[in-house]
Structures are given as C-alpha cells and as structure tokens.
Amino acid sequence: ALEFGDYTLAVTVPDTWTVAATGELQNERDVLTAAQRERLAAAKADEKPRFITTPEEAAANRAATAKGTKTWRFSAKNVRDVAFAASAAFLWDAAKAPIPGTDRAALAMSYFPREAEPLWSRFSTHAVAHTIDSYSRHAHPYPYPVAISVNGPVGGMEYPMISFNGPRPEKDGTYSAGTKWGLVGVVIHEVGHNWFPMIVNSDERQWTWMDEGLNTFCQYLAEQEWERKYPSGRGEPERIIEYMTSASQEPIMTNSESVRRLGPNAYAKPATALNILRETVLGRELFDFAFREYCRRWAFRRP
C-alpha cells in the first residue's frame, strides 16, 4: 500500500526485445521501426485492435541473435508503483478505448507470445477496453493513458496500468469456452484493480474486501455486460451458499492474514453483498449514485 508519485522508467534490453510497462512510451523513434510507429498511431484512433508487432516480426525477433541493446523509456504520473515485462517473443496489439464521461481515450494493449494464439488476439485487448468502459461508468472515469494485459507465467497479478494474465489455448491452438471466459474474466479482474486499490488507495493487507471485494463486484458487472449469461464465478447469491452455511466464518473487517478462506470471505462475500444491495435493497439508481460518489471522494486518497 504505497503513496502516489510520478515515475520515469528506463529498461535496457537486447535489441530484439519488446518492453511493456506502466506509463507512456517516451522514445518511440529509438525503439520502434517506422512501420511500427505508423501502426501505433493508427491504433490510437481505431477501436478495433491492430498489431503493432506482427506475428511475423515477433517470430523474427525470437529467432534472431541480438546485436546490441535498446533502452525503452516510460513516464507515469500519479501512480503508486510501476512494473514492466520484456521479451523477444512478444506480439503486441493495441486499440483505442474511449473513456465514458470524458472526451479522452486510453490505449488498450496486449503483449503475448505465439503460444497464446489465437485466443489472445481475439479477446485480450477487447477485454481491456471493455473493462475501461464498464468500470468508468460504474466506478470512476479511467485516469491513465494506457491499460495493458501481458501473457506469461503469472496466473493473474495487477500493477498500475499493467497486468499479467495466464490463460492460454491448448498446444494445437484450440480452446474451450471455459478457457475463453477464464481469460476474459482474469483480464477484467486484473485491469479492474486499477480502480481498487490503484485509484481508490485502500490497503489490501489490512482490509482485503475493500480491494478484492469491490473489484470482484465491478468485475461481475463487467462480465454480465460482456456476454448474456456470462458464467461469473462470484457475485450471484447462489454461488456463495456453501460458504455462508459453513463454519469458516469471519467478518469481512478481518485482517487478511487472519482469514481462513480468503477467496470466499474477501472476494465473494462483499461482491455478493454489493450485488444484493444494488438489485434488491437499494435499487440500481440509488446504489449506482452512492458507489460512484464513494469512488469520486476517495480517488487518489486512502479510505
């Protein structure tokens, strides 16, 4: 649970590698080809994802021997941390993501190796942009210029503007509906952490529900908007009956290191409670106003 700051980040890598990082790339001419710069400029104006590093370029980078190094430079304002990913194997696609309630747009991007295809180019950047749209309407307009999903060995982890997500297809490129939903769901969840706790700066080591619970609730809303009858794992009351009738109960206001079943307690219970408040107790109009007001008041502050 860090404080906010402005960062500059320089990552020096072999010259065949591509770098993704928190913030905006500052030196495109030093690290991208003319064709890649043209594609990146076009992506900023197009809501349909397009490749910045193509499959053919990624294959060539992966096979080549580096002849030197390149330094990728990024700048990020008003964030509480930075992270990066670097690889010679990355394909890179991007699309414009309009931010509801503003005249701005973010750049939604994904970085992934060929092992993630064709799943990732079909769904990852779309899911990033969808998250920006949904969370900006339900919580707070997205304040940052980019939002990134990276495929690699991490199942799901979040940092400001960049997240790491694991689902991949089978080795022959096929995938099940469950794998598709798994990718869309984890991208929504990890990108969604930009709001909780990256914007609304709660301390998840103390009160995990204020981070994971609020995010899981917004994830549920975004999943239901993604696809009719999306099989959300958390948020529907029937999904939590087993836990709520078990003996493993602590209040959600329990320090995270003292919770016996962190997933049901810190993710599912608050997400379900908020869903019931919205649909049954308060109604959507009143609940949505109150939830947005909470996010407005506590944006870039520590509740």
C-alpha atoms as a PDB file:
ATOM      1  CA  ALA A   1       0.000   0.000   0.000  1.00  0.00           C
ATOM      2  CA  LEU A   2       2.183   2.793  -1.348  1.00  0.00           C
ATOM      3  CA  GLU A   3       1.754   6.520  -1.803  1.00  0.00           C
ATOM      4  CA  PHE A   4       1.294   8.194  -5.183  1.00  0.00           C
ATOM      5  CA  GLY A   5       4.156   9.577  -7.226  1.00  0.00           C
ATOM      6  CA  ASP A   6       5.367  10.434 -10.703  1.00  0.00           C
ATOM      7  CA  TYR A   7       7.837   7.959 -12.214  1.00  0.00           C
ATOM      8  CA  THR A   8      10.243   7.763 -15.108  1.00  0.00           C
ATOM      9  CA  LEU A   9      11.343   4.260 -16.015  1.00  0.00           C
ATOM     10  CA  ALA A  10      14.192   3.163 -18.297  1.00  0.00           C
ATOM     11  CA  VAL A  11      14.521  -0.525 -19.256  1.00  0.00           C
ATOM     12  CA  THR A  12      17.594  -1.596 -21.237  1.00  0.00           C
ATOM     13  CA  VAL A  13      17.195  -4.928 -23.044  1.00  0.00           C
ATOM     14  CA  PRO A  14      18.639  -6.784 -26.059  1.00  0.00           C
ATOM     15  CA  ASP A  15      17.653  -5.004 -29.252  1.00  0.00           C
ATOM     16  CA  THR A  16      15.372  -7.855 -30.369  1.00  0.00           C
ATOM     17  CA  TRP A  17      13.143  -7.488 -27.290  1.00  0.00           C
ATOM     18  CA  THR A  18       9.864  -5.635 -26.774  1.00  0.00           C
ATOM     19  CA  VAL A  19       9.048  -3.947 -23.453  1.00  0.00           C
ATOM     20  CA  ALA A  20       5.648  -3.253 -21.890  1.00  0.00           C
ATOM     21  CA  ALA A  21       5.497  -1.033 -18.805  1.00  0.00           C
ATOM     22  CA  THR A  22       3.468   1.238 -16.592  1.00  0.00           C
ATOM     23  CA  GLY A  23       3.173   4.615 -18.318  1.00  0.00           C
ATOM     24  CA  GLU A  24       3.540   6.108 -21.775  1.00  0.00           C
ATOM     25  CA  LEU A  25       6.434   5.239 -24.074  1.00  0.00           C
ATOM     26  CA  GLN A  26       8.618   8.340 -24.401  1.00  0.00           C
ATOM     27  CA  ASN A  27      11.106   7.379 -27.120  1.00  0.00           C
ATOM     28  CA  GLU A  28       9.228   5.615 -29.910  1.00  0.00           C
ATOM     29  CA  ARG A  29      11.834   6.608 -32.520  1.00  0.00           C
ATOM     30  CA  ASP A  30      14.611   4.914 -30.568  1.00  0.00           C
ATOM     31  CA  VAL A  31      12.918   1.537 -30.135  1.00  0.00           C
ATOM     32  CA  LEU A  32      10.263   1.118 -32.850  1.00  0.00           C
ATOM     33  CA  THR A  33      10.548   0.854 -36.621  1.00  0.00           C
ATOM     34  CA  ALA A  34       8.849   3.414 -38.842  1.00  0.00           C
ATOM     35  CA  ALA A  35       6.150   0.851 -39.690  1.00  0.00           C
ATOM     36  CA  GLN A  36       5.521   0.125 -36.012  1.00  0.00           C
ATOM     37  CA  ARG A  37       5.231   3.836 -35.236  1.00  0.00           C
ATOM     38  CA  GLU A  38       2.659   4.199 -38.015  1.00  0.00           C
ATOM     39  CA  ARG A  39       0.661   1.241 -36.669  1.00  0.00           C
ATOM     40  CA  LEU A  40       0.784   2.623 -33.137  1.00  0.00           C
ATOM     41  CA  ALA A  41      -0.518   5.997 -34.301  1.00  0.00           C
ATOM     42  CA  ALA A  42      -3.307   4.263 -36.228  1.00  0.00           C
ATOM     43  CA  ALA A  43      -4.234   2.113 -33.203  1.00  0.00           C
ATOM     44  CA  LYS A  44      -4.765   5.235 -31.103  1.00  0.00           C
ATOM     45  CA  ALA A  45      -7.613   6.178 -33.459  1.00  0.00           C
ATOM     46  CA  ASP A  46      -9.162   2.721 -34.024  1.00  0.00           C
ATOM     47  CA  GLU A  47     -11.330   0.765 -31.574  1.00  0.00           C
ATOM     48  CA  LYS A  48     -10.552  -2.472 -33.432  1.00  0.00           C
ATOM     49  CA  PRO A  49      -7.266  -3.978 -32.174  1.00  0.00           C
ATOM     50  CA  ARG A  50      -4.388  -3.967 -34.642  1.00  0.00           C
ATOM     51  CA  PHE A  51      -0.885  -5.392 -34.389  1.00  0.00           C
ATOM     52  CA  ILE A  52       1.998  -3.080 -33.537  1.00  0.00           C
ATOM     53  CA  THR A  53       4.455  -6.000 -33.524  1.00  0.00           C
ATOM     54  CA  THR A  54       3.091  -8.526 -36.021  1.00  0.00           C
ATOM     55  CA  PRO A  55       3.311 -12.315 -35.681  1.00  0.00           C
ATOM     56  CA  GLU A  56       5.960 -12.326 -38.413  1.00  0.00           C
ATOM     57  CA  GLU A  57       8.045  -9.665 -36.653  1.00  0.00           C
ATOM     58  CA  ALA A  58       7.735 -11.464 -33.329  1.00  0.00           C
ATOM     59  CA  ALA A  59       8.890 -14.731 -34.930  1.00  0.00           C
ATOM     60  CA  ALA A  60      11.888 -12.963 -36.452  1.00  0.00           C
ATOM     61  CA  ASN A  61      12.772 -11.295 -33.140  1.00  0.00           C
ATOM     62  CA  ARG A  62      12.533 -14.619 -31.354  1.00  0.00           C
ATOM     63  CA  ALA A  63      14.853 -16.331 -33.822  1.00  0.00           C
ATOM     64  CA  ALA A  64      17.386 -13.525 -34.114  1.00  0.00           C
ATOM     65  CA  THR A  65      20.571 -13.007 -32.131  1.00  0.00           C
ATOM     66  CA  ALA A  66      20.718  -9.571 -30.556  1.00  0.00           C
ATOM     67  CA  LYS A  67      23.426  -7.269 -31.919  1.00  0.00           C
ATOM     68  CA  GLY A  68      23.170  -4.680 -29.161  1.00  0.00           C
ATOM     69  CA  THR A  69      20.745  -3.121 -26.724  1.00  0.00           C
ATOM     70  CA  LYS A  70      17.872  -0.660 -26.709  1.00  0.00           C
ATOM     71  CA  THR A  71      16.610   1.432 -23.805  1.00  0.00           C
ATOM     72  CA  TRP A  72      12.837   1.843 -23.574  1.00  0.00           C
ATOM     73  CA  ARG A  73      11.752   4.920 -21.616  1.00  0.00           C
ATOM     74  CA  PHE A  74       8.371   5.395 -19.958  1.00  0.00           C
ATOM     75  CA  SER A  75       6.701   8.123 -17.918  1.00  0.00           C
ATOM     76  CA  ALA A  76       3.838   7.609 -15.461  1.00  0.00           C
ATOM     77  CA  LYS A  77       2.059  10.194 -13.331  1.00  0.00           C
ATOM     78  CA  ASN A  78       0.096   9.736 -10.108  1.00  0.00           C
ATOM     79  CA  VAL A  79       0.700   6.023  -9.653  1.00  0.00           C
ATOM     80  CA  ARG A  80       1.723   4.089  -6.577  1.00  0.00           C
ATOM     81  CA  ASP A  81       4.047   1.622  -8.305  1.00  0.00           C
ATOM     82  CA  VAL A  82       5.438   0.601 -11.701  1.00  0.00           C
ATOM     83  CA  ALA A  83       6.070  -2.746 -13.366  1.00  0.00           C
ATOM     84  CA  PHE A  84       7.327  -3.993 -16.715  1.00  0.00           C
ATOM     85  CA  ALA A  85       7.564  -7.078 -18.915  1.00  0.00           C
ATOM     86  CA  ALA A  86      10.203  -7.746 -21.582  1.00  0.00           C
ATOM     87  CA  SER A  87      10.604 -10.496 -24.162  1.00  0.00           C
ATOM     88  CA  ALA A  88      11.794 -11.199 -27.683  1.00  0.00           C
ATOM     89  CA  ALA A  89       8.688 -13.337 -28.164  1.00  0.00           C
ATOM     90  CA  PHE A  90       6.017 -10.660 -27.780  1.00  0.00           C
ATOM     91  CA  LEU A  91       3.342  -9.998 -30.327  1.00  0.00           C
ATOM     92  CA  TRP A  92       1.805  -6.614 -29.454  1.00  0.00           C
ATOM     93  CA  ASP A  93      -1.646  -5.322 -30.338  1.00  0.00           C
ATOM     94  CA  ALA A  94      -3.485  -2.159 -29.341  1.00  0.00           C
ATOM     95  CA  ALA A  95      -6.775  -0.309 -29.735  1.00  0.00           C
ATOM     96  CA  LYS A  96      -8.426   2.950 -28.761  1.00  0.00           C
ATOM     97  CA  ALA A  97     -10.561   2.659 -25.611  1.00  0.00           C
ATOM     98  CA  PRO A  98     -12.938   5.626 -25.152  1.00  0.00           C
ATOM     99  CA  ILE A  99     -13.437   6.632 -21.501  1.00  0.00           C
ATOM    100  CA  PRO A 100     -17.129   7.238 -20.687  1.00  0.00           C
ATOM    101  CA  GLY A 101     -17.911  10.554 -19.060  1.00  0.00           C
ATOM    102  CA  THR A 102     -14.871  12.230 -20.624  1.00  0.00           C
ATOM    103  CA  ASP A 103     -13.596  13.351 -24.011  1.00  0.00           C
ATOM    104  CA  ARG A 104     -10.486  11.202 -23.536  1.00  0.00           C
ATOM    105  CA  ALA A 105      -9.476   7.728 -24.666  1.00  0.00           C
ATOM    106  CA  ALA A 106      -6.911   5.325 -23.287  1.00  0.00           C
ATOM    107  CA  LEU A 107      -4.791   2.934 -25.327  1.00  0.00           C
ATOM    108  CA  ALA A 108      -5.717  -0.686 -24.550  1.00  0.00           C
ATOM    109  CA  MET A 109      -2.820  -3.059 -25.295  1.00  0.00           C
ATOM    110  CA  SER A 110      -1.815  -6.701 -25.037  1.00  0.00           C
ATOM    111  CA  TYR A 111       1.593  -8.409 -25.246  1.00  0.00           C
ATOM    112  CA  PHE A 112       1.793 -12.175 -25.731  1.00  0.00           C
ATOM    113  CA  PRO A 113       3.860 -14.957 -27.364  1.00  0.00           C
ATOM    114  CA  ARG A 114       2.661 -17.183 -30.188  1.00  0.00           C
ATOM    115  CA  GLU A 115       1.761 -19.829 -27.596  1.00  0.00           C
ATOM    116  CA  ALA A 116      -1.167 -17.591 -26.560  1.00  0.00           C
ATOM    117  CA  GLU A 117      -2.682 -17.531 -30.037  1.00  0.00           C
ATOM    118  CA  PRO A 118      -5.310 -17.365 -31.391  1.00  0.00           C
ATOM    119  CA  LEU A 119      -7.029 -16.748 -28.051  1.00  0.00           C
ATOM    120  CA  TRP A 120      -5.241 -13.564 -27.082  1.00  0.00           C
ATOM    121  CA  SER A 121      -5.568 -11.537 -30.272  1.00  0.00           C
ATOM    122  CA  ARG A 122      -9.284 -12.356 -30.296  1.00  0.00           C
ATOM    123  CA  PHE A 123     -10.115 -11.406 -26.712  1.00  0.00           C
ATOM    124  CA  SER A 124      -7.411  -9.791 -24.551  1.00  0.00           C
ATOM    125  CA  THR A 125      -7.347  -6.214 -25.825  1.00  0.00           C
ATOM    126  CA  HIS A 126     -11.117  -6.271 -26.301  1.00  0.00           C
ATOM    127  CA  ALA A 127     -11.418  -7.245 -22.619  1.00  0.00           C
ATOM    128  CA  VAL A 128      -9.040  -4.450 -21.558  1.00  0.00           C
ATOM    129  CA  ALA A 129     -11.117  -1.874 -23.457  1.00  0.00           C
ATOM    130  CA  HIS A 130     -14.373  -3.336 -22.125  1.00  0.00           C
ATOM    131  CA  THR A 131     -13.070  -3.037 -18.562  1.00  0.00           C
ATOM    132  CA  ILE A 132     -12.221   0.628 -19.098  1.00  0.00           C
ATOM    133  CA  ASP A 133     -15.729   1.230 -20.426  1.00  0.00           C
ATOM    134  CA  SER A 134     -17.581  -0.656 -17.676  1.00  0.00           C
ATOM    135  CA  TYR A 135     -15.564   0.454 -14.657  1.00  0.00           C
ATOM    136  CA  SER A 136     -15.505   4.067 -15.859  1.00  0.00           C
ATOM    137  CA  ARG A 137     -19.312   4.052 -15.863  1.00  0.00           C
ATOM    138  CA  HIS A 138     -19.834   2.186 -12.599  1.00  0.00           C
ATOM    139  CA  ALA A 139     -16.906   3.473 -10.527  1.00  0.00           C
ATOM    140  CA  HIS A 140     -14.716   6.362 -11.780  1.00  0.00           C
ATOM    141  CA  PRO A 141     -13.509   7.534 -15.213  1.00  0.00           C
ATOM    142  CA  TYR A 142     -10.198   5.854 -16.014  1.00  0.00           C
ATOM    143  CA  PRO A 143      -7.500   8.480 -15.368  1.00  0.00           C
ATOM    144  CA  TYR A 144      -4.490   6.906 -17.080  1.00  0.00           C
ATOM    145  CA  PRO A 145      -3.349   6.963 -20.732  1.00  0.00           C
ATOM    146  CA  VAL A 146      -2.761   3.200 -21.188  1.00  0.00           C
ATOM    147  CA  ALA A 147      -4.007  -0.142 -19.881  1.00  0.00           C
ATOM    148  CA  ILE A 148      -2.084  -3.340 -20.577  1.00  0.00           C
ATOM    149  CA  SER A 149      -2.561  -7.114 -20.405  1.00  0.00           C
ATOM    150  CA  VAL A 150       0.561  -9.319 -20.612  1.00  0.00           C
ATOM    151  CA  ASN A 151       0.584 -13.095 -21.053  1.00  0.00           C
ATOM    152  CA  GLY A 152       3.200 -15.081 -19.201  1.00  0.00           C
ATOM    153  CA  PRO A 153       3.762 -17.444 -16.283  1.00  0.00           C
ATOM    154  CA  VAL A 154       1.659 -15.427 -13.795  1.00  0.00           C
ATOM    155  CA  GLY A 155      -1.968 -16.527 -13.401  1.00  0.00           C
ATOM    156  CA  GLY A 156      -3.190 -13.023 -12.607  1.00  0.00           C
ATOM    157  CA  MET A 157      -1.493 -10.023 -10.978  1.00  0.00           C
ATOM    158  CA  GLU A 158      -2.042  -6.288 -11.103  1.00  0.00           C
ATOM    159  CA  TYR A 159       0.040  -3.121 -11.132  1.00  0.00           C
ATOM    160  CA  PRO A 160      -0.852   0.417 -12.243  1.00  0.00           C
ATOM    161  CA  MET A 161      -1.673   0.421 -15.962  1.00  0.00           C
ATOM    162  CA  ILE A 162      -0.258  -3.111 -16.474  1.00  0.00           C
ATOM    163  CA  SER A 163      -1.487  -6.585 -15.539  1.00  0.00           C
ATOM    164  CA  PHE A 164      -0.218 -10.132 -16.005  1.00  0.00           C
ATOM    165  CA  ASN A 165      -2.642 -12.874 -17.063  1.00  0.00           C
ATOM    166  CA  GLY A 166      -2.054 -16.562 -17.633  1.00  0.00           C
ATOM    167  CA  PRO A 167      -4.747 -18.381 -19.674  1.00  0.00           C
ATOM    168  CA  ARG A 168      -3.623 -19.918 -22.960  1.00  0.00           C
ATOM    169  CA  PRO A 169      -5.153 -22.270 -25.534  1.00  0.00           C
ATOM    170  CA  GLU A 170      -4.090 -25.870 -25.999  1.00  0.00           C
ATOM    171  CA  LYS A 171      -0.861 -26.512 -27.884  1.00  0.00           C
ATOM    172  CA  ASP A 172      -2.826 -27.052 -31.109  1.00  0.00           C
ATOM    173  CA  GLY A 173      -4.423 -23.607 -30.734  1.00  0.00           C
ATOM    174  CA  THR A 174      -7.879 -24.822 -29.728  1.00  0.00           C
ATOM    175  CA  TYR A 175      -9.587 -23.654 -26.572  1.00  0.00           C
ATOM    176  CA  SER A 176     -12.775 -24.308 -24.667  1.00  0.00           C
ATOM    177  CA  ALA A 177     -15.493 -21.832 -23.756  1.00  0.00           C
ATOM    178  CA  GLY A 178     -14.225 -22.083 -20.187  1.00  0.00           C
ATOM    179  CA  THR A 179     -10.723 -21.016 -21.245  1.00  0.00           C
ATOM    180  CA  LYS A 180     -12.159 -18.068 -23.178  1.00  0.00           C
ATOM    181  CA  TRP A 181     -14.248 -16.982 -20.203  1.00  0.00           C
ATOM    182  CA  GLY A 182     -11.258 -17.571 -17.943  1.00  0.00           C
ATOM    183  CA  LEU A 183      -9.134 -15.184 -19.998  1.00  0.00           C
ATOM    184  CA  VAL A 184     -11.837 -12.517 -20.253  1.00  0.00           C
ATOM    185  CA  GLY A 185     -12.583 -12.788 -16.528  1.00  0.00           C
ATOM    186  CA  VAL A 186      -8.982 -12.555 -15.337  1.00  0.00           C
ATOM    187  CA  VAL A 187      -8.237  -9.625 -17.666  1.00  0.00           C
ATOM    188  CA  ILE A 188     -11.289  -7.770 -16.370  1.00  0.00           C
ATOM    189  CA  HIS A 189     -10.301  -8.541 -12.782  1.00  0.00           C
ATOM    190  CA  GLU A 190      -6.642  -7.567 -13.047  1.00  0.00           C
ATOM    191  CA  VAL A 191      -7.236  -4.462 -15.169  1.00  0.00           C
ATOM    192  CA  GLY A 192     -10.059  -3.662 -12.749  1.00  0.00           C
ATOM    193  CA  HIS A 193      -7.545  -3.433  -9.929  1.00  0.00           C
ATOM    194  CA  ASN A 194      -6.538  -0.086 -11.444  1.00  0.00           C
ATOM    195  CA  TRP A 195      -9.610   1.240  -9.618  1.00  0.00           C
ATOM    196  CA  PHE A 196      -9.247  -0.792  -6.412  1.00  0.00           C
ATOM    197  CA  PRO A 197      -6.614  -0.296  -4.963  1.00  0.00           C
ATOM    198  CA  MET A 198      -4.641   1.726  -7.535  1.00  0.00           C
ATOM    199  CA  ILE A 199      -7.019   4.733  -7.674  1.00  0.00           C
ATOM    200  CA  VAL A 200      -9.088   4.262  -4.515  1.00  0.00           C
ATOM    201  CA  ASN A 201      -5.965   3.605  -2.471  1.00  0.00           C
ATOM    202  CA  SER A 202      -7.118   1.013   0.066  1.00  0.00           C
ATOM    203  CA  ASP A 203      -4.698  -1.252   1.956  1.00  0.00           C
ATOM    204  CA  GLU A 204      -5.476  -4.832   0.983  1.00  0.00           C
ATOM    205  CA  ARG A 205      -3.103  -6.279   3.576  1.00  0.00           C
ATOM    206  CA  GLN A 206      -5.392  -4.834   6.238  1.00  0.00           C
ATOM    207  CA  TRP A 207      -8.879  -4.873   4.721  1.00  0.00           C
ATOM    208  CA  THR A 208      -8.784  -7.119   1.673  1.00  0.00           C
ATOM    209  CA  TRP A 209     -12.510  -6.789   0.968  1.00  0.00           C
ATOM    210  CA  MET A 210     -12.079  -3.073   0.153  1.00  0.00           C
ATOM    211  CA  ASP A 211      -9.691  -4.138  -2.630  1.00  0.00           C
ATOM    212  CA  GLU A 212     -10.700  -7.590  -3.839  1.00  0.00           C
ATOM    213  CA  GLY A 213     -14.357  -7.383  -2.841  1.00  0.00           C
ATOM    214  CA  LEU A 214     -15.141  -4.092  -4.548  1.00  0.00           C
ATOM    215  CA  ASN A 215     -13.130  -5.140  -7.590  1.00  0.00           C
ATOM    216  CA  THR A 216     -14.895  -8.516  -7.798  1.00  0.00           C
ATOM    217  CA  PHE A 217     -18.260  -6.739  -7.650  1.00  0.00           C
ATOM    218  CA  CYS A 218     -17.294  -4.466 -10.561  1.00  0.00           C
ATOM    219  CA  GLN A 219     -15.863  -7.499 -12.364  1.00  0.00           C
ATOM    220  CA  TYR A 220     -19.256  -9.177 -12.034  1.00  0.00           C
ATOM    221  CA  LEU A 221     -20.988  -6.146 -13.578  1.00  0.00           C
ATOM    222  CA  ALA A 222     -18.459  -6.038 -16.427  1.00  0.00           C
ATOM    223  CA  GLU A 223     -18.758  -9.780 -17.104  1.00  0.00           C
ATOM    224  CA  GLN A 224     -22.544  -9.572 -17.292  1.00  0.00           C
ATOM    225  CA  GLU A 225     -22.193  -6.700 -19.760  1.00  0.00           C
ATOM    226  CA  TRP A 226     -19.636  -8.651 -21.832  1.00  0.00           C
ATOM    227  CA  GLU A 227     -21.930 -11.542 -22.652  1.00  0.00           C
ATOM    228  CA  ARG A 228     -25.504 -12.514 -21.748  1.00  0.00           C
ATOM    229  CA  LYS A 229     -25.479 -15.264 -19.114  1.00  0.00           C
ATOM    230  CA  TYR A 230     -21.718 -14.983 -18.620  1.00  0.00           C
ATOM    231  CA  PRO A 231     -20.880 -17.684 -16.027  1.00  0.00           C
ATOM    232  CA  SER A 232     -19.458 -15.359 -13.371  1.00  0.00           C
ATOM    233  CA  GLY A 233     -17.765 -17.294 -10.594  1.00  0.00           C
ATOM    234  CA  ARG A 234     -18.588 -14.711  -7.915  1.00  0.00           C
ATOM    235  CA  GLY A 235     -21.354 -12.181  -7.418  1.00  0.00           C
ATOM    236  CA  GLU A 236     -24.517 -14.268  -7.747  1.00  0.00           C
ATOM    237  CA  PRO A 237     -26.012 -15.186  -4.315  1.00  0.00           C
ATOM    238  CA  GLU A 238     -26.419 -18.859  -5.196  1.00  0.00           C
ATOM    239  CA  ARG A 239     -22.669 -19.124  -5.719  1.00  0.00           C
ATOM    240  CA  ILE A 240     -21.892 -18.402  -2.070  1.00  0.00           C
ATOM    241  CA  ILE A 241     -24.451 -20.649  -0.305  1.00  0.00           C
ATOM    242  CA  GLU A 242     -21.867 -23.322   0.554  1.00  0.00           C
ATOM    243  CA  TYR A 243     -19.574 -20.800   2.204  1.00  0.00           C
ATOM    244  CA  MET A 244     -22.280 -18.840   4.012  1.00  0.00           C
ATOM    245  CA  THR A 245     -23.637 -22.034   5.557  1.00  0.00           C
ATOM    246  CA  SER A 246     -20.190 -23.277   6.611  1.00  0.00           C
ATOM    247  CA  ALA A 247     -18.381 -22.860   9.929  1.00  0.00           C
ATOM    248  CA  SER A 248     -15.457 -20.960   8.328  1.00  0.00           C
ATOM    249  CA  GLN A 249     -16.847 -17.506   9.017  1.00  0.00           C
ATOM    250  CA  GLU A 250     -15.143 -14.262   9.942  1.00  0.00           C
ATOM    251  CA  PRO A 251     -16.374 -10.698   9.454  1.00  0.00           C
ATOM    252  CA  ILE A 252     -15.105  -9.090   6.255  1.00  0.00           C
ATOM    253  CA  MET A 253     -13.425  -6.500   8.524  1.00  0.00           C
ATOM    254  CA  THR A 254     -10.813  -9.078   9.469  1.00  0.00           C
ATOM    255  CA  ASN A 255      -7.111  -8.636   8.753  1.00  0.00           C
ATOM    256  CA  SER A 256      -6.281 -10.629   5.635  1.00  0.00           C
ATOM    257  CA  GLU A 257      -3.669 -12.771   7.407  1.00  0.00           C
ATOM    258  CA  SER A 258      -6.328 -13.938   9.876  1.00  0.00           C
ATOM    259  CA  VAL A 259      -8.960 -15.032   7.342  1.00  0.00           C
ATOM    260  CA  ARG A 260      -9.251 -18.790   6.944  1.00  0.00           C
ATOM    261  CA  ARG A 261     -10.820 -18.738   3.467  1.00  0.00           C
ATOM    262  CA  LEU A 262      -9.664 -15.553   1.795  1.00  0.00           C
ATOM    263  CA  GLY A 263     -11.403 -16.100  -1.557  1.00  0.00           C
ATOM    264  CA  PRO A 264     -14.944 -16.559  -0.258  1.00  0.00           C
ATOM    265  CA  ASN A 265     -14.558 -14.007   2.549  1.00  0.00           C
ATOM    266  CA  ALA A 266     -12.670 -11.183   0.835  1.00  0.00           C
ATOM    267  CA  TYR A 267     -13.812 -11.652  -2.776  1.00  0.00           C
ATOM    268  CA  ALA A 268     -17.174 -13.402  -2.946  1.00  0.00           C
ATOM    269  CA  LYS A 269     -18.948 -12.238   0.234  1.00  0.00           C
ATOM    270  CA  PRO A 270     -18.558  -8.463  -0.333  1.00  0.00           C
ATOM    271  CA  ALA A 271     -19.179  -8.791  -4.080  1.00  0.00           C
ATOM    272  CA  THR A 272     -22.396 -10.711  -3.414  1.00  0.00           C
ATOM    273  CA  ALA A 273     -23.497  -8.282  -0.698  1.00  0.00           C
ATOM    274  CA  LEU A 274     -22.993  -5.324  -3.014  1.00  0.00           C
ATOM    275  CA  ASN A 275     -24.922  -7.111  -5.765  1.00  0.00           C
ATOM    276  CA  ILE A 276     -27.836  -7.724  -3.363  1.00  0.00           C
ATOM    277  CA  LEU A 277     -27.738  -4.087  -2.231  1.00  0.00           C
ATOM    278  CA  ARG A 278     -27.861  -2.962  -5.855  1.00  0.00           C
ATOM    279  CA  GLU A 279     -30.528  -5.344  -7.128  1.00  0.00           C
ATOM    280  CA  THR A 280     -32.777  -5.866  -4.099  1.00  0.00           C
ATOM    281  CA  VAL A 281     -32.242  -3.469  -1.185  1.00  0.00           C
ATOM    282  CA  LEU A 282     -31.459  -0.040  -2.648  1.00  0.00           C
ATOM    283  CA  GLY A 283     -32.158  -0.418  -6.347  1.00  0.00           C
ATOM    284  CA  ARG A 284     -29.742   0.359  -9.142  1.00  0.00           C
ATOM    285  CA  GLU A 285     -30.271   4.136  -9.377  1.00  0.00           C
ATOM    286  CA  LEU A 286     -29.583   4.870  -5.718  1.00  0.00           C
ATOM    287  CA  PHE A 287     -26.828   2.278  -5.357  1.00  0.00           C
ATOM    288  CA  ASP A 288     -25.008   3.384  -8.514  1.00  0.00           C
ATOM    289  CA  PHE A 289     -25.055   7.017  -7.372  1.00  0.00           C
ATOM    290  CA  ALA A 290     -23.675   6.074  -3.947  1.00  0.00           C
ATOM    291  CA  PHE A 291     -20.985   3.790  -5.359  1.00  0.00           C
ATOM    292  CA  ARG A 292     -19.768   6.378  -7.848  1.00  0.00           C
ATOM    293  CA  GLU A 293     -19.756   9.005  -5.117  1.00  0.00           C
ATOM    294  CA  TYR A 294     -17.585   6.769  -2.901  1.00  0.00           C
ATOM    295  CA  CYS A 295     -15.124   6.355  -5.765  1.00  0.00           C
ATOM    296  CA  ARG A 296     -15.156  10.083  -6.551  1.00  0.00           C
ATOM    297  CA  ARG A 297     -14.490  11.095  -2.942  1.00  0.00           C
ATOM    298  CA  TRP A 298     -11.720   8.568  -2.371  1.00  0.00           C
ATOM    299  CA  ALA A 299      -9.967   8.636  -5.741  1.00  0.00           C
ATOM    300  CA  PHE A 300      -6.219   9.119  -5.114  1.00  0.00           C
ATOM    301  CA  ARG A 301      -6.850   9.085  -1.363  1.00  0.00           C
ATOM    302  CA  ARG A 302      -6.628   6.360   1.283  1.00  0.00           C
ATOM    303  CA  PRO A 303     -10.037   5.251   2.612  1.00  0.00           C
END
